[in-house]
């Protein structure tokens, strides 16, 4: 059974788009995901950021890369996500 067939049989997995903040750990990256919420009193949109630990099997991600995360079984105490693909690479300076 291929990976795509396995994902289809288990149902739809959660996905998130974010930017890699850190890759200092082995096979793990920290990804910041930004979302907006409405302020309760002032009815204005506010940006909020959440950080997720994600599994990067090949250690390919670098800080600044935009990646797509897919939920997975718990891989460690904090890791609950896998890097599905690198959407855009960070610009080298």
Protein backbone atom coordinates (compact mmCIF):
# COMPACT_ATOMS: atom_id res chain seq x y z
CA UNK A 1 0.00 0.00 0.00
CA UNK A 2 1.51 3.34 -1.01
CA UNK A 3 1.66 6.39 1.24
CA UNK A 4 -1.13 8.21 -0.60
CA UNK A 5 -3.45 5.20 -0.43
CA UNK A 6 -2.75 4.82 3.28
CA UNK A 7 -3.59 8.48 3.88
CA UNK A 8 -6.86 8.11 1.96
CA UNK A 9 -7.99 5.08 3.96
CA UNK A 10 -7.31 6.79 7.29
CA UNK A 11 -9.34 9.82 6.32
CA UNK A 12 -8.33 13.37 5.68
CA UNK A 13 -5.27 14.58 7.56
CA UNK A 14 -4.87 18.08 8.94
CA UNK A 15 -2.55 20.36 6.99
CA UNK A 16 -0.84 23.60 7.91
CA UNK A 17 1.35 26.06 5.99
CA UNK A 18 4.18 27.77 7.85
CA UNK A 19 7.71 29.08 7.83
CA UNK A 20 10.68 27.19 9.29
CA UNK A 21 12.09 29.03 12.29
CA UNK A 22 14.75 26.58 13.44
CA UNK A 23 16.45 23.43 12.17
CA UNK A 24 19.07 22.94 14.88
CA UNK A 25 17.77 19.54 15.96
CA UNK A 26 18.40 16.30 14.08
CA UNK A 27 15.44 15.43 11.78
CA UNK A 28 13.27 18.06 13.49
CA UNK A 29 12.26 21.57 12.47
CA UNK A 30 10.28 24.24 14.30
CA UNK A 31 7.62 25.80 12.07
CA UNK A 32 5.77 29.04 12.84
CA UNK A 33 2.17 29.08 11.59
CA UNK A 34 0.44 32.46 11.44
CA UNK A 35 -3.34 32.87 11.68
CA UNK A 36 -5.77 35.70 12.31
CA UNK A 37 -8.39 36.11 15.04
CA UNK A 38 -10.99 38.77 15.64
CA UNK A 39 -10.46 40.97 18.70
CA UNK A 40 -13.47 40.54 20.98
CA UNK A 41 -13.85 44.17 21.94
CA UNK A 42 -12.48 46.16 19.01
CA UNK A 43 -13.59 43.84 16.19
CA UNK A 44 -10.23 44.10 14.44
CA UNK A 45 -8.21 41.25 12.99
CA UNK A 46 -5.08 40.30 14.92
CA UNK A 47 -2.19 38.11 13.78
CA UNK A 48 -1.29 35.22 16.07
CA UNK A 49 1.56 32.74 15.72
CA UNK A 50 1.83 29.13 16.85
CA UNK A 51 4.98 27.01 16.74
CA UNK A 52 4.90 23.35 15.79
CA UNK A 53 7.64 20.74 15.93
CA UNK A 54 7.72 18.72 12.72
CA UNK A 55 9.63 15.66 11.52
CA UNK A 56 12.03 16.34 8.63
CA UNK A 57 13.42 12.93 7.66
CA UNK A 58 16.08 14.12 5.21
CA UNK A 59 17.13 17.29 7.11
CA UNK A 60 16.34 19.34 3.98
CA UNK A 61 14.55 22.32 5.55
CA UNK A 62 16.40 25.52 6.29
CA UNK A 63 15.20 28.58 8.24
CA UNK A 64 12.98 30.75 6.08
CA UNK A 65 11.60 27.88 3.97
CA UNK A 66 7.83 27.79 3.51
CA UNK A 67 6.62 24.24 4.22
CA UNK A 68 3.39 22.24 4.29
CA UNK A 69 2.85 20.16 7.43
CA UNK A 70 0.70 17.05 7.69
CA UNK A 71 -0.52 15.62 11.00
CA UNK A 72 0.85 12.25 12.08
CA UNK A 73 0.99 9.94 15.05
CA UNK A 74 3.06 11.17 18.01
CA UNK A 75 6.72 10.84 17.05
CA UNK A 76 8.16 12.23 20.30
CA UNK A 77 7.06 14.28 23.28
CA UNK A 78 6.45 17.39 21.13
CA UNK A 79 6.41 16.17 17.52
CA UNK A 80 2.95 15.54 16.06
CA UNK A 81 3.55 16.77 12.49
CA UNK A 82 5.57 15.75 9.42
CA UNK A 83 6.96 17.98 6.67
CA UNK A 84 5.01 16.96 3.56
CA UNK A 85 6.77 19.28 1.12
CA UNK A 86 8.87 22.40 0.87
CA UNK A 87 6.65 24.91 -0.94
CA UNK A 88 9.26 27.64 -1.43
CA UNK A 89 12.90 27.83 -0.48
CA UNK A 90 14.42 30.64 1.58
CA UNK A 91 16.40 33.20 -0.36
CA UNK A 92 20.13 32.88 0.17
CA UNK A 93 21.80 36.10 1.27
